[in-house]
C-alpha atoms as a PDB file:
ATOM      1  CA  GLN A   1      10.956  11.076   9.956  1.00  0.00           C
ATOM      2  CA  VAL A   2       7.630   9.373   9.242  1.00  0.00           C
ATOM      3  CA  GLN A   3       7.684   7.251   5.932  1.00  0.00           C
ATOM      4  CA  LEU A   4       4.818   5.535   4.322  1.00  0.00           C
ATOM      5  CA  GLN A   5       5.308   2.484   2.165  1.00  0.00           C
ATOM      6  CA  GLU A   6       2.598   1.809  -0.182  1.00  0.00           C
ATOM      7  CA  SER A   7       2.265  -1.530  -2.128  1.00  0.00           C
ATOM      8  CA  GLY A   8      -0.164  -3.635  -4.055  1.00  0.00           C
ATOM      9  CA  GLY A   9      -1.061  -1.494  -7.082  1.00  0.00           C
ATOM     10  CA  GLY A  10      -0.847  -3.052 -10.613  1.00  0.00           C
ATOM     11  CA  LEU A  11      -2.656  -3.654 -13.864  1.00  0.00           C
ATOM     12  CA  VAL A  12      -6.077  -5.405 -13.736  1.00  0.00           C
ATOM     13  CA  GLN A  13      -8.924  -5.890 -15.986  1.00  0.00           C
ATOM     14  CA  ALA A  14     -12.296  -4.384 -15.366  1.00  0.00           C
ATOM     15  CA  GLY A  15     -14.327  -6.248 -12.819  1.00  0.00           C
ATOM     16  CA  GLY A  16     -11.269  -7.454 -11.044  1.00  0.00           C
ATOM     17  CA  SER A  17      -9.847  -6.788  -7.739  1.00  0.00           C
ATOM     18  CA  LEU A  18      -6.612  -5.235  -5.870  1.00  0.00           C
ATOM     19  CA  ARG A  19      -5.652  -4.590  -2.461  1.00  0.00           C
ATOM     20  CA  LEU A  20      -3.422  -1.801  -1.614  1.00  0.00           C
ATOM     21  CA  SER A  21      -1.530  -1.590   1.641  1.00  0.00           C
ATOM     22  CA  CYS A  22       0.177   1.276   3.493  1.00  0.00           C
ATOM     23  CA  ALA A  23       2.639   0.657   6.152  1.00  0.00           C
ATOM     24  CA  VAL A  24       3.879   3.369   8.622  1.00  0.00           C
ATOM     25  CA  SER A  25       7.500   3.240   9.000  1.00  0.00           C
ATOM     26  CA  ARG A  26       8.061   4.199  12.597  1.00  0.00           C
ATOM     27  CA  ASN A  27       6.571   2.882  15.839  1.00  0.00           C
ATOM     28  CA  ILE A  28       3.884   5.483  16.383  1.00  0.00           C
ATOM     29  CA  PHE A  29       0.868   5.190  18.610  1.00  0.00           C
ATOM     30  CA  ASN A  30      -1.028   8.150  17.781  1.00  0.00           C
ATOM     31  CA  ILE A  31      -2.106   7.619  14.197  1.00  0.00           C
ATOM     32  CA  ASN A  32      -5.571   9.628  13.978  1.00  0.00           C
ATOM     33  CA  ILE A  33      -6.655   9.010  10.508  1.00  0.00           C
ATOM     34  CA  MET A  34      -5.463   6.796   7.771  1.00  0.00           C
ATOM     35  CA  GLY A  35      -6.731   7.351   4.444  1.00  0.00           C
ATOM     36  CA  TRP A  36      -6.459   6.749   0.546  1.00  0.00           C
ATOM     37  CA  TYR A  37      -6.565   9.352  -2.031  1.00  0.00           C
ATOM     38  CA  ARG A  38      -6.160   9.118  -5.787  1.00  0.00           C
ATOM     39  CA  GLN A  39      -5.134  11.272  -8.918  1.00  0.00           C
ATOM     40  CA  ALA A  40      -6.048  10.446 -12.378  1.00  0.00           C
ATOM     41  CA  PRO A  41      -4.137  12.070 -15.191  1.00  0.00           C
ATOM     42  CA  GLY A  42      -5.330  15.646 -15.679  1.00  0.00           C
ATOM     43  CA  LYS A  43      -7.440  15.573 -12.557  1.00  0.00           C
ATOM     44  CA  GLN A  44      -7.121  16.798  -8.974  1.00  0.00           C
ATOM     45  CA  ARG A  45      -6.390  14.450  -6.271  1.00  0.00           C
ATOM     46  CA  GLU A  46      -9.491  13.199  -4.581  1.00  0.00           C
ATOM     47  CA  LEU A  47     -10.401  11.553  -1.483  1.00  0.00           C
ATOM     48  CA  VAL A  48     -11.049   7.682  -1.756  1.00  0.00           C
ATOM     49  CA  ALA A  49     -11.637   6.465   1.809  1.00  0.00           C
ATOM     50  CA  THR A  50     -10.437   7.317   5.214  1.00  0.00           C
ATOM     51  CA  MET A  51     -10.748   5.604   8.630  1.00  0.00           C
ATOM     52  CA  THR A  52     -10.336   7.109  12.088  1.00  0.00           C
ATOM     53  CA  SER A  53      -8.522   5.410  14.954  1.00  0.00           C
ATOM     54  CA  GLY A  54     -12.104   4.668  16.271  1.00  0.00           C
ATOM     55  CA  GLY A  55     -13.079   2.826  13.085  1.00  0.00           C
ATOM     56  CA  THR A  56     -15.153   5.446  11.581  1.00  0.00           C
ATOM     57  CA  THR A  57     -15.128   5.508   7.781  1.00  0.00           C
ATOM     58  CA  ASP A  58     -15.776   7.916   4.997  1.00  0.00           C
ATOM     59  CA  TYR A  59     -15.792   7.062   1.352  1.00  0.00           C
ATOM     60  CA  ALA A  60     -16.203   8.856  -1.974  1.00  0.00           C
ATOM     61  CA  ASP A  61     -19.690   8.157  -3.560  1.00  0.00           C
ATOM     62  CA  SER A  62     -17.937   6.590  -6.535  1.00  0.00           C
ATOM     63  CA  VAL A  63     -16.461   3.790  -4.668  1.00  0.00           C
ATOM     64  CA  LYS A  64     -18.997   3.006  -2.081  1.00  0.00           C
ATOM     65  CA  GLY A  65     -20.127  -0.456  -2.260  1.00  0.00           C
ATOM     66  CA  ARG A  66     -16.853  -1.604  -4.050  1.00  0.00           C
ATOM     67  CA  PHE A  67     -13.992  -0.524  -1.987  1.00  0.00           C
ATOM     68  CA  VAL A  68     -13.378  -1.224   1.807  1.00  0.00           C
ATOM     69  CA  ILE A  69     -10.847   0.368   3.927  1.00  0.00           C
ATOM     70  CA  SER A  70      -9.380  -1.149   7.045  1.00  0.00           C
ATOM     71  CA  ARG A  71      -6.555  -0.804   9.299  1.00  0.00           C
ATOM     72  CA  ASP A  72      -4.472  -2.936  11.557  1.00  0.00           C
ATOM     73  CA  ASN A  73      -3.271  -0.768  14.356  1.00  0.00           C
ATOM     74  CA  THR A  74      -0.813  -3.119  15.751  1.00  0.00           C
ATOM     75  CA  LYS A  75       0.848  -3.320  12.418  1.00  0.00           C
ATOM     76  CA  LYS A  76       0.459   0.535  11.783  1.00  0.00           C
ATOM     77  CA  THR A  77      -1.009  -0.400   8.376  1.00  0.00           C
ATOM     78  CA  ALA A  78      -4.029   0.661   6.356  1.00  0.00           C
ATOM     79  CA  TYR A  79      -5.533  -1.410   3.538  1.00  0.00           C
ATOM     80  CA  LEU A  80      -7.936  -0.611   0.566  1.00  0.00           C
ATOM     81  CA  GLN A  81      -9.612  -3.436  -0.721  1.00  0.00           C
ATOM     82  CA  MET A  82     -10.793  -2.509  -4.132  1.00  0.00           C
ATOM     83  CA  GLY A  83     -13.382  -4.692  -6.264  1.00  0.00           C
ATOM     84  CA  SER A  84     -15.440  -4.314  -9.163  1.00  0.00           C
ATOM     85  CA  LEU A  85     -12.788  -2.153 -10.560  1.00  0.00           C
ATOM     86  CA  GLN A  86     -13.447   0.076 -13.665  1.00  0.00           C
ATOM     87  CA  PRO A  87     -11.241   1.921 -15.932  1.00  0.00           C
ATOM     88  CA  GLU A  88     -12.472   5.206 -14.450  1.00  0.00           C
ATOM     89  CA  ASP A  89     -10.683   3.931 -11.256  1.00  0.00           C
ATOM     90  CA  THR A  90      -7.249   4.327 -13.033  1.00  0.00           C
ATOM     91  CA  ALA A  91      -5.038   6.760 -11.158  1.00  0.00           C
ATOM     92  CA  VAL A  92      -2.151   6.780  -8.783  1.00  0.00           C
ATOM     93  CA  TYR A  93      -3.237   5.830  -5.280  1.00  0.00           C
ATOM     94  CA  TYR A  94      -1.775   7.808  -2.240  1.00  0.00           C
ATOM     95  CA  CYS A  95      -1.739   6.906   1.167  1.00  0.00           C
ATOM     96  CA  LYS A  96      -2.193   9.727   3.923  1.00  0.00           C
ATOM     97  CA  VAL A  97      -1.907   9.533   7.531  1.00  0.00           C
ATOM     98  CA  ARG A  98      -2.535  12.170  10.221  1.00  0.00           C
ATOM     99  CA  ILE A  99      -0.514  11.902  13.370  1.00  0.00           C
ATOM    100  CA  LEU A 100      -1.382  14.378  15.845  1.00  0.00           C
ATOM    101  CA  ALA A 101      -1.845  17.650  13.727  1.00  0.00           C
ATOM    102  CA  VAL A 102       0.629  16.539  11.132  1.00  0.00           C
ATOM    103  CA  GLU A 103      -0.067  14.884   7.871  1.00  0.00           C
ATOM    104  CA  TYR A 104       2.108  12.577   5.853  1.00  0.00           C
ATOM    105  CA  TRP A 105       1.789  11.371   2.359  1.00  0.00           C
ATOM    106  CA  GLY A 106       3.185   8.243   0.644  1.00  0.00           C
ATOM    107  CA  GLN A 107       4.827   8.297  -2.832  1.00  0.00           C
ATOM    108  CA  GLY A 108       1.882   6.611  -4.606  1.00  0.00           C
ATOM    109  CA  THR A 109       1.232   3.455  -6.295  1.00  0.00           C
ATOM    110  CA  GLN A 110      -0.195   3.019  -9.842  1.00  0.00           C
ATOM    111  CA  VAL A 111      -3.527   1.293 -10.352  1.00  0.00           C
ATOM    112  CA  THR A 112      -4.514   0.609 -14.060  1.00  0.00           C
ATOM    113  CA  VAL A 113      -7.785  -0.844 -14.940  1.00  0.00           C
ATOM    114  CA  SER A 114      -8.118  -2.197 -18.551  1.00  0.00           C
ATOM    115  CA  SER A 115     -11.418  -2.350 -20.379  1.00  0.00           C
END
């Protein structure tokens, strides 16, 4: 069973920064896509950023220029560096990975941005 361990969430003031991490529990070599999604209260889960094994990235328009996704394939870990955080970034952030044709989700980590 593949498990994802997320960390790095918390409370930050507007304009601040946080870095999220997502580590895959097993020694797997075919992690195609690693990504971050978020879900704010009363809203649908939405894509934040993804990165393929080849390094191609995709970002939501709302985070472009503020968030940066990266991954360390040797550590099987994805990161989300979040800067210039705003209250509207408050949400539970979920990590998702695709291994071959199967997708796995993390439990989520809360990010709260105070004004």
